[in-house]
């Protein structure tokens, strides 16, 4: 990403956080390149392409009452970003919290080309 600064990348992550918290699948998917790859968690088969990523988030929104996503720390390196994230998901009167890491790669237009979320059962609590 020639000419893109760490601050630019942090701004792209802020836009990602904002889009996730709107719970609008189309707004989230618009941050991805047409041929992007996304896996959440990384051990699941990846969603390939903007349409598949939008469908993933449509299903996520439909299955949950609400959520709050936060990037607790943002680490940049060239065209890649790693974030420490926390998401509090409300469903059926309980709250599930997942803490993990997401690793992104961005293209020259500032669109996400890959993102993989790293978390497992040890990173999940329910209250």
N, C-alpha and C. Protein backbone atom coordinates (compact mmCIF):
# COMPACT_ATOMS: atom_id res chain seq x y z
N UNK A 1 0.85 -1.17 0.00
CA UNK A 1 0.00 0.00 0.00
C UNK A 1 0.89 1.24 0.00
N UNK A 2 1.38 1.59 -1.11
CA UNK A 2 2.25 2.74 -1.25
C UNK A 2 1.50 4.00 -0.84
N UNK A 3 2.12 4.76 0.05
CA UNK A 3 1.53 6.03 0.44
C UNK A 3 0.49 5.95 1.53
N UNK A 4 0.09 4.77 1.94
CA UNK A 4 -0.90 4.64 3.01
C UNK A 4 -0.15 4.53 4.33
N UNK A 5 -0.53 5.37 5.25
CA UNK A 5 0.16 5.43 6.53
C UNK A 5 -0.50 4.54 7.57
N UNK A 6 0.20 4.28 8.65
CA UNK A 6 -0.44 3.55 9.75
C UNK A 6 -1.73 4.24 10.22
N UNK A 7 -1.75 5.56 10.20
CA UNK A 7 -2.97 6.27 10.60
C UNK A 7 -4.12 5.99 9.63
N UNK A 8 -3.81 5.90 8.32
CA UNK A 8 -4.84 5.54 7.35
C UNK A 8 -5.42 4.17 7.66
N UNK A 9 -4.55 3.22 7.97
CA UNK A 9 -5.01 1.87 8.28
C UNK A 9 -5.83 1.86 9.56
N UNK A 10 -5.42 2.62 10.54
CA UNK A 10 -6.22 2.71 11.77
C UNK A 10 -7.61 3.30 11.47
N UNK A 11 -7.65 4.25 10.53
CA UNK A 11 -8.95 4.80 10.11
C UNK A 11 -9.81 3.75 9.43
N UNK A 12 -9.20 2.86 8.64
CA UNK A 12 -9.96 1.79 8.00
C UNK A 12 -10.50 0.81 9.04
N UNK A 13 -9.72 0.56 10.08
CA UNK A 13 -10.20 -0.31 11.16
C UNK A 13 -11.33 0.37 11.92
N UNK A 14 -11.23 1.67 12.15
CA UNK A 14 -12.32 2.41 12.82
C UNK A 14 -13.60 2.32 11.98
N UNK A 15 -13.48 2.41 10.66
CA UNK A 15 -14.64 2.28 9.79
C UNK A 15 -15.23 0.87 9.88
N UNK A 16 -14.37 -0.13 9.97
CA UNK A 16 -14.81 -1.53 10.12
C UNK A 16 -15.58 -1.70 11.42
N UNK A 17 -15.04 -1.18 12.51
CA UNK A 17 -15.72 -1.26 13.81
C UNK A 17 -17.09 -0.58 13.73
N UNK A 18 -17.11 0.62 13.17
CA UNK A 18 -18.38 1.36 13.04
C UNK A 18 -19.39 0.57 12.21
N UNK A 19 -18.93 0.00 11.09
CA UNK A 19 -19.84 -0.76 10.23
C UNK A 19 -20.37 -2.00 10.96
N UNK A 20 -19.49 -2.71 11.66
CA UNK A 20 -19.96 -3.88 12.42
C UNK A 20 -21.03 -3.49 13.44
N UNK A 21 -20.83 -2.37 14.09
CA UNK A 21 -21.77 -1.97 15.13
C UNK A 21 -23.08 -1.41 14.57
N UNK A 22 -23.13 -1.08 13.27
CA UNK A 22 -24.41 -0.71 12.66
C UNK A 22 -25.24 -1.95 12.36
N UNK A 23 -24.54 -3.12 12.29
CA UNK A 23 -25.19 -4.40 11.98
C UNK A 23 -25.83 -4.39 10.59
N UNK A 24 -25.26 -3.62 9.67
CA UNK A 24 -25.74 -3.53 8.29
C UNK A 24 -24.80 -4.35 7.40
N UNK A 25 -25.23 -5.55 6.98
CA UNK A 25 -24.35 -6.42 6.20
C UNK A 25 -23.79 -5.77 4.93
N UNK A 26 -24.58 -4.94 4.27
CA UNK A 26 -24.09 -4.28 3.05
C UNK A 26 -23.01 -3.25 3.37
N UNK A 27 -23.17 -2.52 4.47
CA UNK A 27 -22.15 -1.54 4.87
C UNK A 27 -20.85 -2.25 5.25
N UNK A 28 -20.98 -3.38 5.92
CA UNK A 28 -19.79 -4.15 6.29
C UNK A 28 -19.11 -4.67 5.03
N UNK A 29 -19.87 -5.31 4.15
CA UNK A 29 -19.31 -5.90 2.94
C UNK A 29 -18.68 -4.86 2.02
N UNK A 30 -19.16 -3.63 2.05
CA UNK A 30 -18.61 -2.57 1.20
C UNK A 30 -17.16 -2.25 1.55
N UNK A 31 -16.70 -2.65 2.72
CA UNK A 31 -15.32 -2.40 3.13
C UNK A 31 -14.35 -3.44 2.54
N UNK A 32 -14.90 -4.47 1.88
CA UNK A 32 -14.11 -5.58 1.35
C UNK A 32 -13.95 -5.45 -0.16
N UNK A 33 -12.82 -5.92 -0.68
CA UNK A 33 -12.61 -6.03 -2.11
C UNK A 33 -13.58 -7.08 -2.67
N UNK A 34 -13.88 -6.98 -3.95
CA UNK A 34 -14.82 -7.93 -4.58
C UNK A 34 -14.40 -9.38 -4.38
N UNK A 35 -13.11 -9.66 -4.41
CA UNK A 35 -12.62 -11.04 -4.30
C UNK A 35 -12.01 -11.34 -2.93
N UNK A 36 -12.44 -10.61 -1.92
CA UNK A 36 -11.88 -10.77 -0.57
C UNK A 36 -12.18 -12.15 0.00
N UNK A 37 -11.40 -12.50 1.02
CA UNK A 37 -11.56 -13.76 1.74
C UNK A 37 -11.69 -13.43 3.22
N UNK A 38 -12.69 -14.02 3.88
CA UNK A 38 -12.96 -13.76 5.30
C UNK A 38 -13.30 -15.07 5.98
N UNK A 39 -12.70 -15.31 7.15
CA UNK A 39 -13.02 -16.51 7.92
C UNK A 39 -13.13 -16.14 9.39
N UNK A 40 -14.23 -16.54 10.02
CA UNK A 40 -14.48 -16.24 11.42
C UNK A 40 -15.22 -17.41 12.04
N UNK A 41 -14.47 -18.23 12.83
CA UNK A 41 -13.05 -18.17 13.11
C UNK A 41 -12.22 -18.66 11.93
N UNK A 42 -10.92 -18.47 12.03
CA UNK A 42 -10.02 -18.82 10.93
C UNK A 42 -10.06 -20.31 10.60
N UNK A 43 -10.48 -21.14 11.54
CA UNK A 43 -10.55 -22.58 11.31
C UNK A 43 -11.77 -22.99 10.48
N UNK A 44 -12.74 -22.08 10.30
CA UNK A 44 -13.92 -22.38 9.49
C UNK A 44 -13.59 -22.19 8.01
N UNK A 45 -14.35 -22.85 7.13
CA UNK A 45 -14.15 -22.59 5.70
C UNK A 45 -14.36 -21.09 5.42
N UNK A 46 -13.50 -20.49 4.62
CA UNK A 46 -13.60 -19.05 4.40
C UNK A 46 -14.77 -18.67 3.49
N UNK A 47 -15.25 -17.46 3.68
CA UNK A 47 -16.21 -16.84 2.78
C UNK A 47 -15.40 -16.14 1.70
N UNK A 48 -15.69 -16.43 0.45
CA UNK A 48 -14.91 -15.89 -0.67
C UNK A 48 -15.78 -14.96 -1.50
N UNK A 49 -15.37 -13.71 -1.59
CA UNK A 49 -16.09 -12.72 -2.38
C UNK A 49 -17.00 -11.87 -1.51
N UNK A 50 -17.23 -10.65 -1.98
CA UNK A 50 -18.03 -9.68 -1.22
C UNK A 50 -19.44 -10.20 -0.96
N UNK A 51 -20.06 -10.88 -1.93
CA UNK A 51 -21.43 -11.39 -1.75
C UNK A 51 -21.47 -12.44 -0.65
N UNK A 52 -20.51 -13.33 -0.60
CA UNK A 52 -20.47 -14.37 0.44
C UNK A 52 -20.22 -13.75 1.81
N UNK A 53 -19.40 -12.72 1.84
CA UNK A 53 -19.13 -12.03 3.11
C UNK A 53 -20.39 -11.32 3.60
N UNK A 54 -21.12 -10.67 2.69
CA UNK A 54 -22.39 -10.03 3.07
C UNK A 54 -23.37 -11.08 3.59
N UNK A 55 -23.43 -12.24 2.95
CA UNK A 55 -24.33 -13.31 3.41
C UNK A 55 -23.94 -13.80 4.80
N UNK A 56 -22.64 -13.92 5.07
CA UNK A 56 -22.17 -14.31 6.40
C UNK A 56 -22.69 -13.32 7.45
N UNK A 57 -22.55 -12.03 7.17
CA UNK A 57 -23.00 -11.04 8.15
C UNK A 57 -24.51 -10.96 8.23
N UNK A 58 -25.22 -11.21 7.13
CA UNK A 58 -26.69 -11.26 7.19
C UNK A 58 -27.13 -12.35 8.15
N UNK A 59 -26.50 -13.52 8.05
CA UNK A 59 -26.82 -14.62 8.97
C UNK A 59 -26.46 -14.30 10.40
N UNK A 60 -25.34 -13.63 10.59
CA UNK A 60 -24.92 -13.26 11.94
C UNK A 60 -25.89 -12.28 12.58
N UNK A 61 -26.32 -11.28 11.81
CA UNK A 61 -27.27 -10.29 12.32
C UNK A 61 -28.60 -10.97 12.66
N UNK A 62 -29.08 -11.83 11.78
CA UNK A 62 -30.37 -12.50 11.98
C UNK A 62 -30.37 -13.40 13.21
N UNK A 63 -29.23 -13.98 13.54
CA UNK A 63 -29.15 -14.95 14.64
C UNK A 63 -28.91 -14.32 16.00
N UNK A 64 -28.71 -13.02 16.05
CA UNK A 64 -28.37 -12.37 17.32
C UNK A 64 -29.23 -11.15 17.55
N UNK A 65 -29.56 -10.91 18.83
CA UNK A 65 -30.38 -9.74 19.17
C UNK A 65 -29.61 -8.44 19.00
N UNK A 66 -28.34 -8.43 19.40
CA UNK A 66 -27.52 -7.21 19.33
C UNK A 66 -26.07 -7.60 19.58
N UNK A 67 -25.15 -6.70 19.26
CA UNK A 67 -23.75 -6.90 19.61
C UNK A 67 -23.03 -5.57 19.67
N UNK A 68 -21.93 -5.59 20.39
CA UNK A 68 -21.01 -4.45 20.44
C UNK A 68 -19.62 -4.99 20.17
N UNK A 69 -19.00 -4.46 19.11
CA UNK A 69 -17.67 -4.89 18.69
C UNK A 69 -16.69 -3.77 18.98
N UNK A 70 -15.52 -4.12 19.51
CA UNK A 70 -14.49 -3.13 19.80
C UNK A 70 -13.13 -3.65 19.38
N UNK A 71 -12.33 -2.77 18.79
CA UNK A 71 -10.93 -3.07 18.53
C UNK A 71 -10.16 -2.47 19.70
N UNK A 72 -9.73 -3.34 20.60
CA UNK A 72 -9.10 -2.86 21.84
C UNK A 72 -7.66 -2.42 21.63
N UNK A 73 -7.00 -2.95 20.60
CA UNK A 73 -5.65 -2.53 20.22
C UNK A 73 -5.51 -2.77 18.73
N UNK A 74 -4.81 -1.87 18.06
CA UNK A 74 -4.61 -1.94 16.61
C UNK A 74 -3.10 -1.90 16.34
N UNK A 75 -2.62 -2.89 15.59
CA UNK A 75 -1.20 -3.01 15.28
C UNK A 75 -1.04 -3.03 13.77
N UNK A 76 -0.30 -2.08 13.21
CA UNK A 76 -0.13 -2.01 11.75
C UNK A 76 1.29 -2.41 11.35
N UNK A 77 1.39 -2.95 10.14
CA UNK A 77 2.69 -3.29 9.56
C UNK A 77 2.49 -3.37 8.04
N UNK A 78 2.99 -2.37 7.31
CA UNK A 78 2.80 -2.31 5.86
C UNK A 78 1.31 -2.36 5.55
N UNK A 79 0.86 -3.28 4.70
CA UNK A 79 -0.55 -3.36 4.31
C UNK A 79 -1.34 -4.31 5.20
N UNK A 80 -0.77 -4.70 6.33
CA UNK A 80 -1.45 -5.61 7.24
C UNK A 80 -1.74 -4.94 8.57
N UNK A 81 -2.81 -5.41 9.17
CA UNK A 81 -3.22 -4.91 10.48
C UNK A 81 -3.68 -6.10 11.31
N UNK A 82 -3.28 -6.12 12.56
CA UNK A 82 -3.80 -7.09 13.52
C UNK A 82 -4.50 -6.30 14.61
N UNK A 83 -5.66 -6.78 15.02
CA UNK A 83 -6.36 -6.12 16.12
C UNK A 83 -6.66 -7.14 17.21
N UNK A 84 -6.62 -6.66 18.44
CA UNK A 84 -7.17 -7.40 19.57
C UNK A 84 -8.62 -6.94 19.64
N UNK A 85 -9.56 -7.88 19.53
CA UNK A 85 -10.96 -7.47 19.53
C UNK A 85 -11.72 -8.10 20.69
N UNK A 86 -12.86 -7.49 20.95
CA UNK A 86 -13.83 -8.02 21.91
C UNK A 86 -15.20 -7.77 21.29
N UNK A 87 -16.03 -8.80 21.33
CA UNK A 87 -17.41 -8.63 20.90
C UNK A 87 -18.32 -9.19 21.98
N UNK A 88 -19.28 -8.38 22.38
CA UNK A 88 -20.32 -8.79 23.33
C UNK A 88 -21.59 -9.00 22.51
N UNK A 89 -22.08 -10.24 22.50
CA UNK A 89 -23.22 -10.62 21.68
C UNK A 89 -24.40 -10.96 22.59
N UNK A 90 -25.53 -10.29 22.36
CA UNK A 90 -26.74 -10.55 23.15
C UNK A 90 -27.69 -11.42 22.34
N UNK A 91 -28.07 -12.54 22.96
CA UNK A 91 -29.00 -13.47 22.32
C UNK A 91 -29.81 -14.17 23.39
N UNK A 92 -31.13 -14.09 23.27
CA UNK A 92 -32.01 -14.83 24.16
C UNK A 92 -31.81 -14.54 25.63
N UNK A 93 -31.49 -13.30 25.98
CA UNK A 93 -31.36 -12.91 27.38
C UNK A 93 -30.00 -13.16 27.99
N UNK A 94 -29.06 -13.69 27.25
CA UNK A 94 -27.71 -13.87 27.77
C UNK A 94 -26.71 -13.14 26.88
N UNK A 95 -25.53 -12.93 27.44
CA UNK A 95 -24.47 -12.24 26.71
C UNK A 95 -23.29 -13.18 26.54
N UNK A 96 -22.86 -13.34 25.30
CA UNK A 96 -21.67 -14.11 24.99
C UNK A 96 -20.57 -13.10 24.64
N UNK A 97 -19.42 -13.25 25.26
CA UNK A 97 -18.28 -12.38 24.99
C UNK A 97 -17.17 -13.21 24.37
N UNK A 98 -16.64 -12.72 23.27
CA UNK A 98 -15.50 -13.37 22.62
C UNK A 98 -14.37 -12.34 22.56
N UNK A 99 -13.21 -12.74 23.01
CA UNK A 99 -12.00 -11.92 22.88
C UNK A 99 -11.04 -12.69 21.98
N UNK A 100 -10.50 -12.00 20.99
CA UNK A 100 -9.60 -12.67 20.06
C UNK A 100 -8.77 -11.68 19.27
N UNK A 101 -8.27 -12.17 18.16
CA UNK A 101 -7.42 -11.37 17.28
C UNK A 101 -7.97 -11.51 15.87
N UNK A 102 -7.98 -10.41 15.11
CA UNK A 102 -8.27 -10.47 13.68
C UNK A 102 -7.05 -9.92 12.95
N UNK A 103 -6.71 -10.58 11.84
CA UNK A 103 -5.57 -10.17 11.03
C UNK A 103 -6.09 -9.82 9.64
N UNK A 104 -5.81 -8.60 9.19
CA UNK A 104 -6.31 -8.04 7.93
C UNK A 104 -5.16 -7.79 6.96
N UNK A 105 -5.48 -7.87 5.68
CA UNK A 105 -4.63 -7.34 4.62
C UNK A 105 -5.50 -6.40 3.79
N UNK A 106 -4.93 -5.25 3.41
CA UNK A 106 -5.64 -4.24 2.63
C UNK A 106 -5.00 -4.08 1.26
N UNK A 107 -5.81 -3.70 0.26
CA UNK A 107 -5.27 -3.43 -1.07
C UNK A 107 -4.93 -1.94 -1.20
N UNK A 108 -4.48 -1.54 -2.38
CA UNK A 108 -4.07 -0.15 -2.60
C UNK A 108 -5.22 0.84 -2.50
N UNK A 109 -6.47 0.35 -2.61
CA UNK A 109 -7.64 1.21 -2.47
C UNK A 109 -8.14 1.28 -1.03
N UNK A 110 -7.45 0.59 -0.13
CA UNK A 110 -7.87 0.59 1.26
C UNK A 110 -8.99 -0.38 1.57
N UNK A 111 -9.26 -1.30 0.64
CA UNK A 111 -10.29 -2.31 0.87
C UNK A 111 -9.64 -3.55 1.49
N UNK A 112 -10.41 -4.25 2.30
CA UNK A 112 -9.94 -5.47 2.94
C UNK A 112 -9.88 -6.57 1.89
N UNK A 113 -8.71 -7.21 1.77
CA UNK A 113 -8.58 -8.35 0.85
C UNK A 113 -8.65 -9.67 1.60
N UNK A 114 -8.16 -9.70 2.83
CA UNK A 114 -8.30 -10.89 3.67
C UNK A 114 -8.49 -10.45 5.11
N UNK A 115 -9.27 -11.23 5.83
CA UNK A 115 -9.36 -11.07 7.29
C UNK A 115 -9.67 -12.44 7.88
N UNK A 116 -8.88 -12.78 8.89
CA UNK A 116 -9.04 -14.03 9.61
C UNK A 116 -9.17 -13.72 11.09
N UNK A 117 -10.20 -14.28 11.71
CA UNK A 117 -10.43 -14.09 13.15
C UNK A 117 -9.90 -15.31 13.90
N UNK A 118 -9.11 -15.04 14.93
CA UNK A 118 -8.51 -16.12 15.74
C UNK A 118 -9.12 -16.09 17.13
N UNK A 119 -9.89 -17.13 17.42
CA UNK A 119 -10.48 -17.33 18.74
C UNK A 119 -10.96 -18.78 18.79
N UNK A 120 -11.13 -19.27 20.02
CA UNK A 120 -11.72 -20.60 20.21
C UNK A 120 -12.52 -20.60 21.49
N UNK A 121 -12.97 -21.74 21.92
CA UNK A 121 -13.85 -21.85 23.10
C UNK A 121 -13.23 -21.25 24.35
N UNK A 122 -11.91 -21.29 24.46
CA UNK A 122 -11.25 -20.72 25.64
C UNK A 122 -11.37 -19.20 25.69
N UNK A 123 -11.69 -18.58 24.55
CA UNK A 123 -11.81 -17.12 24.47
C UNK A 123 -13.26 -16.64 24.61
N UNK A 124 -14.16 -17.54 24.95
CA UNK A 124 -15.59 -17.26 24.96
C UNK A 124 -16.15 -17.43 26.37
N UNK A 125 -16.95 -16.46 26.80
CA UNK A 125 -17.66 -16.58 28.08
C UNK A 125 -19.13 -16.23 27.85
N UNK A 126 -19.99 -16.80 28.65
CA UNK A 126 -21.43 -16.53 28.58
C UNK A 126 -21.91 -16.13 29.96
N UNK A 127 -22.67 -15.02 30.02
CA UNK A 127 -23.23 -14.57 31.29
C UNK A 127 -24.72 -14.36 31.14
